[in-house]
Amino acid sequence: MPKLGLHAAAELTGRSRSTIHRAMERGRLSYERDESGARLVDTAELLRVFGESPPEDASNRDGNGKRHAMHNVELRAKLELEQAKNALLQERLAEIREERDRWREQATRLLTDQRPAPQPDARRGWWRRLVGK
């Protein structure tokens, strides 16, 4: 499942950022740190700790809005992951094409005649050589 930052996790669960942070500090909610040191929480871990249905607020009695928001955040995270994969594949494809072009150029050089062209005056026919002209 995708990993979310503290702010996105708070939006997804309907809890405050401080509640999410306290759960992390107390060990109730496991998390990872990315390269920059930001905390990332797996969406499955959020569901485990805070339950599937986030608390209802006054503007949304049935809770569907929160579930839809959670689904949207999840889909955005998946989209970002796929875009990152796509970018890596595009880079690799460019490298492979460059390598292919180098091999093609080398093969072309090897298959073409690299000898210098003969000088027209240097070659004489057999009759001229026989007569000596």
N, C-alpha and C. Protein backbone atom coordinates (compact mmCIF):
# COMPACT_ATOMS: atom_id res chain seq x y z
N MET A 1 0.84 -1.17 0.00
CA MET A 1 0.00 0.00 0.00
C MET A 1 0.89 1.24 0.00
N PRO A 2 0.38 2.36 -0.48
CA PRO A 2 1.18 3.57 -0.54
C PRO A 2 1.46 4.14 0.85
N LYS A 3 2.52 4.89 0.92
CA LYS A 3 2.92 5.52 2.17
C LYS A 3 2.55 7.00 2.11
N LEU A 4 2.11 7.53 3.26
CA LEU A 4 1.64 8.90 3.33
C LEU A 4 2.45 9.67 4.36
N GLY A 5 2.54 10.98 4.16
CA GLY A 5 3.16 11.85 5.13
C GLY A 5 2.21 12.15 6.28
N LEU A 6 2.69 12.87 7.26
CA LEU A 6 1.91 13.17 8.46
C LEU A 6 0.64 13.95 8.12
N HIS A 7 0.77 14.96 7.26
CA HIS A 7 -0.38 15.79 6.90
C HIS A 7 -1.44 14.97 6.16
N ALA A 8 -1.01 14.17 5.17
CA ALA A 8 -1.95 13.36 4.39
C ALA A 8 -2.60 12.29 5.28
N ALA A 9 -1.84 11.75 6.22
CA ALA A 9 -2.40 10.74 7.13
C ALA A 9 -3.47 11.37 8.01
N ALA A 10 -3.25 12.61 8.46
CA ALA A 10 -4.24 13.30 9.27
C ALA A 10 -5.51 13.56 8.47
N GLU A 11 -5.35 13.99 7.21
CA GLU A 11 -6.52 14.22 6.35
C GLU A 11 -7.29 12.93 6.11
N LEU A 12 -6.56 11.87 5.88
CA LEU A 12 -7.17 10.59 5.56
C LEU A 12 -7.97 10.03 6.73
N THR A 13 -7.45 10.13 7.91
CA THR A 13 -8.12 9.53 9.07
C THR A 13 -9.12 10.46 9.72
N GLY A 14 -9.02 11.74 9.44
CA GLY A 14 -9.90 12.69 10.10
C GLY A 14 -9.41 13.07 11.48
N ARG A 15 -8.22 12.66 11.83
CA ARG A 15 -7.61 13.00 13.12
C ARG A 15 -6.67 14.18 12.91
N SER A 16 -6.26 14.80 13.99
CA SER A 16 -5.33 15.91 13.87
C SER A 16 -3.90 15.38 13.68
N ARG A 17 -3.03 16.25 13.20
CA ARG A 17 -1.64 15.86 13.01
C ARG A 17 -0.99 15.50 14.34
N SER A 18 -1.38 16.20 15.40
CA SER A 18 -0.79 15.89 16.71
C SER A 18 -1.22 14.51 17.20
N THR A 19 -2.43 14.09 16.89
CA THR A 19 -2.89 12.75 17.27
C THR A 19 -2.08 11.69 16.54
N ILE A 20 -1.87 11.90 15.26
CA ILE A 20 -1.06 10.96 14.47
C ILE A 20 0.36 10.94 15.02
N HIS A 21 0.90 12.11 15.29
CA HIS A 21 2.27 12.21 15.81
C HIS A 21 2.40 11.50 17.16
N ARG A 22 1.44 11.70 18.06
CA ARG A 22 1.48 11.04 19.37
C ARG A 22 1.43 9.52 19.21
N ALA A 23 0.60 9.03 18.29
CA ALA A 23 0.52 7.58 18.06
C ALA A 23 1.85 7.04 17.57
N MET A 24 2.56 7.83 16.77
CA MET A 24 3.88 7.42 16.30
C MET A 24 4.88 7.38 17.46
N GLU A 25 4.86 8.43 18.27
CA GLU A 25 5.80 8.53 19.39
C GLU A 25 5.57 7.43 20.43
N ARG A 26 4.34 7.06 20.65
CA ARG A 26 4.02 6.03 21.66
C ARG A 26 4.19 4.62 21.11
N GLY A 27 4.47 4.49 19.83
CA GLY A 27 4.68 3.17 19.25
C GLY A 27 3.42 2.48 18.80
N ARG A 28 2.28 3.13 18.85
CA ARG A 28 1.03 2.53 18.39
C ARG A 28 0.97 2.48 16.87
N LEU A 29 1.63 3.43 16.23
CA LEU A 29 1.59 3.56 14.77
C LEU A 29 3.02 3.47 14.24
N SER A 30 3.30 2.45 13.46
CA SER A 30 4.66 2.30 12.91
C SER A 30 4.82 3.22 11.69
N TYR A 31 6.04 3.64 11.46
CA TYR A 31 6.34 4.56 10.37
C TYR A 31 7.76 4.34 9.88
N GLU A 32 8.07 4.93 8.74
CA GLU A 32 9.41 4.92 8.18
C GLU A 32 9.83 6.37 7.96
N ARG A 33 11.11 6.56 7.73
CA ARG A 33 11.61 7.89 7.38
C ARG A 33 12.14 7.84 5.96
N ASP A 34 11.87 8.89 5.19
CA ASP A 34 12.40 8.95 3.84
C ASP A 34 13.79 9.59 3.87
N GLU A 35 14.35 9.87 2.70
CA GLU A 35 15.70 10.43 2.61
C GLU A 35 15.83 11.77 3.32
N SER A 36 14.76 12.54 3.31
CA SER A 36 14.81 13.87 3.93
C SER A 36 14.50 13.82 5.42
N GLY A 37 14.14 12.64 5.94
CA GLY A 37 13.84 12.51 7.37
C GLY A 37 12.37 12.64 7.70
N ALA A 38 11.52 12.86 6.70
CA ALA A 38 10.08 12.98 6.95
C ALA A 38 9.50 11.60 7.27
N ARG A 39 8.48 11.58 8.11
CA ARG A 39 7.86 10.32 8.50
C ARG A 39 6.81 9.91 7.47
N LEU A 40 6.84 8.63 7.10
CA LEU A 40 5.88 8.07 6.16
C LEU A 40 5.15 6.92 6.83
N VAL A 41 3.83 6.91 6.69
CA VAL A 41 3.00 5.88 7.31
C VAL A 41 2.28 5.12 6.20
N ASP A 42 2.25 3.81 6.31
CA ASP A 42 1.53 2.99 5.35
C ASP A 42 0.03 3.15 5.59
N THR A 43 -0.75 3.19 4.52
CA THR A 43 -2.19 3.37 4.68
C THR A 43 -2.82 2.18 5.41
N ALA A 44 -2.27 0.99 5.22
CA ALA A 44 -2.79 -0.18 5.94
C ALA A 44 -2.56 -0.03 7.44
N GLU A 45 -1.44 0.58 7.81
CA GLU A 45 -1.15 0.81 9.23
C GLU A 45 -2.13 1.82 9.82
N LEU A 46 -2.49 2.83 9.04
CA LEU A 46 -3.48 3.79 9.51
C LEU A 46 -4.83 3.12 9.74
N LEU A 47 -5.22 2.23 8.83
CA LEU A 47 -6.47 1.51 8.99
C LEU A 47 -6.43 0.60 10.22
N ARG A 48 -5.28 -0.01 10.47
CA ARG A 48 -5.14 -0.89 11.63
C ARG A 48 -5.33 -0.13 12.93
N VAL A 49 -4.70 1.04 13.02
CA VAL A 49 -4.71 1.79 14.28
C VAL A 49 -6.01 2.58 14.45
N PHE A 50 -6.46 3.25 13.42
CA PHE A 50 -7.60 4.15 13.55
C PHE A 50 -8.90 3.58 13.00
N GLY A 51 -8.87 2.39 12.46
CA GLY A 51 -10.09 1.76 11.96
C GLY A 51 -10.42 2.18 10.55
N GLU A 52 -11.35 1.43 9.95
CA GLU A 52 -11.70 1.68 8.55
C GLU A 52 -12.54 2.92 8.36
N SER A 53 -13.47 3.16 9.25
CA SER A 53 -14.32 4.34 9.08
C SER A 53 -13.82 5.44 10.00
N PRO A 54 -13.35 6.54 9.42
CA PRO A 54 -12.88 7.65 10.24
C PRO A 54 -14.05 8.28 10.99
N PRO A 55 -13.78 9.01 12.05
CA PRO A 55 -14.88 9.64 12.80
C PRO A 55 -15.64 10.62 11.92
N GLU A 56 -16.95 10.66 12.13
CA GLU A 56 -17.80 11.54 11.32
C GLU A 56 -17.70 12.97 11.82
N ASP A 57 -17.79 13.90 10.90
CA ASP A 57 -17.84 15.30 11.31
C ASP A 57 -19.24 15.83 11.02
N ALA A 58 -19.50 17.04 11.43
CA ALA A 58 -20.85 17.60 11.33
C ALA A 58 -21.27 17.81 9.88
N SER A 59 -20.34 18.09 8.99
CA SER A 59 -20.70 18.36 7.61
C SER A 59 -20.94 17.09 6.81
N ASN A 60 -20.49 15.95 7.32
CA ASN A 60 -20.63 14.72 6.56
C ASN A 60 -21.09 13.61 7.50
N ARG A 61 -22.38 13.42 7.63
CA ARG A 61 -22.94 12.48 8.60
C ARG A 61 -22.68 11.01 8.24
N ASP A 62 -22.63 10.70 6.94
CA ASP A 62 -22.52 9.29 6.56
C ASP A 62 -21.07 8.81 6.46
N GLY A 63 -20.09 9.70 6.44
CA GLY A 63 -18.69 9.29 6.41
C GLY A 63 -18.18 8.93 5.03
N ASN A 64 -19.00 9.00 4.00
CA ASN A 64 -18.54 8.66 2.66
C ASN A 64 -17.47 9.61 2.15
N GLY A 65 -17.58 10.86 2.51
CA GLY A 65 -16.59 11.84 2.06
C GLY A 65 -15.19 11.50 2.53
N LYS A 66 -15.06 11.05 3.76
CA LYS A 66 -13.75 10.68 4.30
C LYS A 66 -13.22 9.43 3.60
N ARG A 67 -14.11 8.47 3.37
CA ARG A 67 -13.67 7.26 2.67
C ARG A 67 -13.22 7.61 1.25
N HIS A 68 -13.96 8.50 0.61
CA HIS A 68 -13.57 8.91 -0.74
C HIS A 68 -12.25 9.67 -0.70
N ALA A 69 -12.07 10.50 0.31
CA ALA A 69 -10.81 11.24 0.44
C ALA A 69 -9.66 10.26 0.65
N MET A 70 -9.89 9.24 1.46
CA MET A 70 -8.86 8.23 1.71
C MET A 70 -8.52 7.50 0.41
N HIS A 71 -9.54 7.16 -0.33
CA HIS A 71 -9.32 6.48 -1.61
C HIS A 71 -8.57 7.38 -2.59
N ASN A 72 -8.92 8.66 -2.62
CA ASN A 72 -8.23 9.61 -3.49
C ASN A 72 -6.76 9.74 -3.12
N VAL A 73 -6.47 9.84 -1.84
CA VAL A 73 -5.08 9.95 -1.39
C VAL A 73 -4.31 8.70 -1.77
N GLU A 74 -4.94 7.56 -1.59
CA GLU A 74 -4.33 6.29 -1.94
C GLU A 74 -4.03 6.23 -3.44
N LEU A 75 -4.99 6.64 -4.24
CA LEU A 75 -4.81 6.63 -5.68
C LEU A 75 -3.73 7.61 -6.12
N ARG A 76 -3.68 8.78 -5.48
CA ARG A 76 -2.63 9.75 -5.81
C ARG A 76 -1.26 9.18 -5.50
N ALA A 77 -1.13 8.51 -4.38
CA ALA A 77 0.15 7.91 -4.01
C ALA A 77 0.56 6.83 -5.01
N LYS A 78 -0.41 6.02 -5.43
CA LYS A 78 -0.12 5.00 -6.44
C LYS A 78 0.28 5.64 -7.76
N LEU A 79 -0.40 6.72 -8.12
CA LEU A 79 -0.08 7.42 -9.36
C LEU A 79 1.33 7.98 -9.32
N GLU A 80 1.71 8.58 -8.20
CA GLU A 80 3.07 9.11 -8.07
C GLU A 80 4.09 7.99 -8.18
N LEU A 81 3.81 6.85 -7.58
CA LEU A 81 4.71 5.72 -7.66
C LEU A 81 4.86 5.24 -9.10
N GLU A 82 3.76 5.14 -9.81
CA GLU A 82 3.81 4.70 -11.20
C GLU A 82 4.52 5.73 -12.09
N GLN A 83 4.33 7.02 -11.80
CA GLN A 83 5.03 8.05 -12.57
C GLN A 83 6.53 7.97 -12.33
N ALA A 84 6.94 7.69 -11.11
CA ALA A 84 8.36 7.54 -10.82
C ALA A 84 8.93 6.33 -11.55
N LYS A 85 8.19 5.23 -11.55
CA LYS A 85 8.63 4.04 -12.29
C LYS A 85 8.75 4.35 -13.77
N ASN A 86 7.76 5.07 -14.30
CA ASN A 86 7.76 5.43 -15.71
C ASN A 86 8.97 6.28 -16.07
N ALA A 87 9.30 7.24 -15.20
CA ALA A 87 10.46 8.09 -15.45
C ALA A 87 11.75 7.27 -15.48
N LEU A 88 11.88 6.31 -14.55
CA LEU A 88 13.06 5.45 -14.54
C LEU A 88 13.13 4.60 -15.80
N LEU A 89 12.00 4.09 -16.24
CA LEU A 89 11.98 3.29 -17.46
C LEU A 89 12.33 4.13 -18.69
N GLN A 90 11.87 5.37 -18.72
CA GLN A 90 12.20 6.26 -19.83
C GLN A 90 13.70 6.54 -19.89
N GLU A 91 14.31 6.75 -18.71
CA GLU A 91 15.76 6.97 -18.66
C GLU A 91 16.50 5.74 -19.15
N ARG A 92 16.08 4.57 -18.70
CA ARG A 92 16.73 3.33 -19.11
C ARG A 92 16.57 3.11 -20.60
N LEU A 93 15.39 3.43 -21.14
CA LEU A 93 15.16 3.29 -22.57
C LEU A 93 16.09 4.20 -23.37
N ALA A 94 16.30 5.42 -22.90
CA ALA A 94 17.21 6.35 -23.58
C ALA A 94 18.64 5.79 -23.56
N GLU A 95 19.05 5.21 -22.43
CA GLU A 95 20.39 4.61 -22.35
C GLU A 95 20.52 3.45 -23.33
N ILE A 96 19.50 2.62 -23.41
CA ILE A 96 19.54 1.47 -24.32
C ILE A 96 19.61 1.94 -25.77
N ARG A 97 18.87 2.99 -26.10
CA ARG A 97 18.92 3.50 -27.48
C ARG A 97 20.29 4.07 -27.82
N GLU A 98 20.91 4.77 -26.87
CA GLU A 98 22.27 5.29 -27.10
C GLU A 98 23.25 4.16 -27.33
N GLU A 99 23.14 3.11 -26.52
CA GLU A 99 24.02 1.96 -26.67
C GLU A 99 23.80 1.27 -28.02
N ARG A 100 22.53 1.14 -28.41
CA ARG A 100 22.22 0.55 -29.71
C ARG A 100 22.85 1.35 -30.84
N ASP A 101 22.76 2.68 -30.76
CA ASP A 101 23.32 3.52 -31.81
C ASP A 101 24.83 3.40 -31.88
N ARG A 102 25.49 3.28 -30.71
CA ARG A 102 26.95 3.08 -30.71
C ARG A 102 27.32 1.76 -31.38
N TRP A 103 26.58 0.69 -31.06
CA TRP A 103 26.86 -0.61 -31.67
C TRP A 103 26.61 -0.57 -33.17
N ARG A 104 25.55 0.11 -33.58
CA ARG A 104 25.24 0.20 -35.01
C ARG A 104 26.34 0.96 -35.75
N GLU A 105 26.82 2.03 -35.17
CA GLU A 105 27.89 2.80 -35.79
C GLU A 105 29.16 1.97 -35.90
N GLN A 106 29.48 1.21 -34.86
CA GLN A 106 30.66 0.38 -34.88
C GLN A 106 30.53 -0.72 -35.95
N ALA A 107 29.38 -1.34 -36.03
CA ALA A 107 29.16 -2.39 -37.03
C ALA A 107 29.24 -1.81 -38.44
N THR A 108 28.72 -0.63 -38.63
CA THR A 108 28.77 0.01 -39.96
C THR A 108 30.21 0.29 -40.35
N ARG A 109 31.01 0.77 -39.40
CA ARG A 109 32.42 1.03 -39.69
C ARG A 109 33.15 -0.26 -40.03
N LEU A 110 32.83 -1.35 -39.35
CA LEU A 110 33.51 -2.61 -39.61
C LEU A 110 33.10 -3.23 -40.94
N LEU A 111 31.88 -3.00 -41.37
CA LEU A 111 31.38 -3.63 -42.58
C LEU A 111 31.70 -2.84 -43.85
N THR A 112 32.04 -1.59 -43.74
CA THR A 112 32.37 -0.80 -44.93
C THR A 112 33.86 -0.92 -45.23
N ASP A 113 34.20 -0.77 -46.51
CA ASP A 113 35.60 -0.88 -46.95
C ASP A 113 36.34 0.38 -46.52
N GLN A 114 37.33 0.22 -45.68
CA GLN A 114 38.07 1.35 -45.13
C GLN A 114 39.38 1.61 -45.89
N ARG A 115 39.66 0.80 -46.93
CA ARG A 115 40.92 0.98 -47.68
C ARG A 115 40.82 2.25 -48.53
N PRO A 116 41.96 2.91 -48.69
CA PRO A 116 41.93 4.11 -49.54
C PRO A 116 41.65 3.74 -51.00
N ALA A 117 40.98 4.62 -51.70
CA ALA A 117 40.65 4.37 -53.11
C ALA A 117 41.93 4.42 -53.93
N PRO A 118 42.07 3.54 -54.94
CA PRO A 118 43.29 3.53 -55.77
C PRO A 118 43.36 4.79 -56.63
N GLN A 119 44.58 5.25 -56.84
CA GLN A 119 44.80 6.43 -57.68
C GLN A 119 44.66 6.01 -59.14
N PRO A 120 43.97 6.81 -59.95
CA PRO A 120 43.74 6.41 -61.35
C PRO A 120 45.04 6.33 -62.15
N ASP A 121 46.04 7.15 -61.88
CA ASP A 121 47.28 7.15 -62.64
C ASP A 121 48.17 5.98 -62.23
N ALA A 122 48.03 5.52 -61.04
CA ALA A 122 48.89 4.47 -60.54
C ALA A 122 48.57 3.12 -61.18
N ARG A 123 47.37 2.93 -61.64
CA ARG A 123 47.01 1.63 -62.23
C ARG A 123 47.05 1.76 -63.76
N ARG A 124 47.74 0.85 -64.38
CA ARG A 124 47.78 0.82 -65.85
C ARG A 124 47.26 -0.50 -66.33
N GLY A 125 46.71 -0.51 -67.46
CA GLY A 125 46.20 -1.74 -68.05
C GLY A 125 47.33 -2.68 -68.46
N TRP A 126 47.01 -3.89 -68.79
CA TRP A 126 48.05 -4.88 -69.12
C TRP A 126 48.72 -4.56 -70.46
N TRP A 127 48.00 -3.92 -71.39
CA TRP A 127 48.60 -3.60 -72.69
C TRP A 127 49.66 -2.53 -72.56
N ARG A 128 49.38 -1.51 -71.71
CA ARG A 128 50.35 -0.44 -71.51
C ARG A 128 51.58 -0.97 -70.78
N ARG A 129 51.37 -1.88 -69.84
CA ARG A 129 52.53 -2.44 -69.15
C ARG A 129 53.37 -3.27 -70.10
N LEU A 130 52.75 -3.97 -71.03
CA LEU A 130 53.47 -4.82 -71.97
C LEU A 130 54.26 -3.98 -72.95
N VAL A 131 53.68 -2.92 -73.44
CA VAL A 131 54.33 -2.07 -74.42
C VAL A 131 55.32 -1.14 -73.75
N GLY A 132 55.02 -0.78 -72.49
CA GLY A 132 55.94 0.06 -71.74
C GLY A 132 55.63 1.53 -71.83
N LYS A 133 54.46 1.90 -72.15
CA LYS A 133 54.11 3.31 -72.24
C LYS A 133 53.61 3.82 -70.95
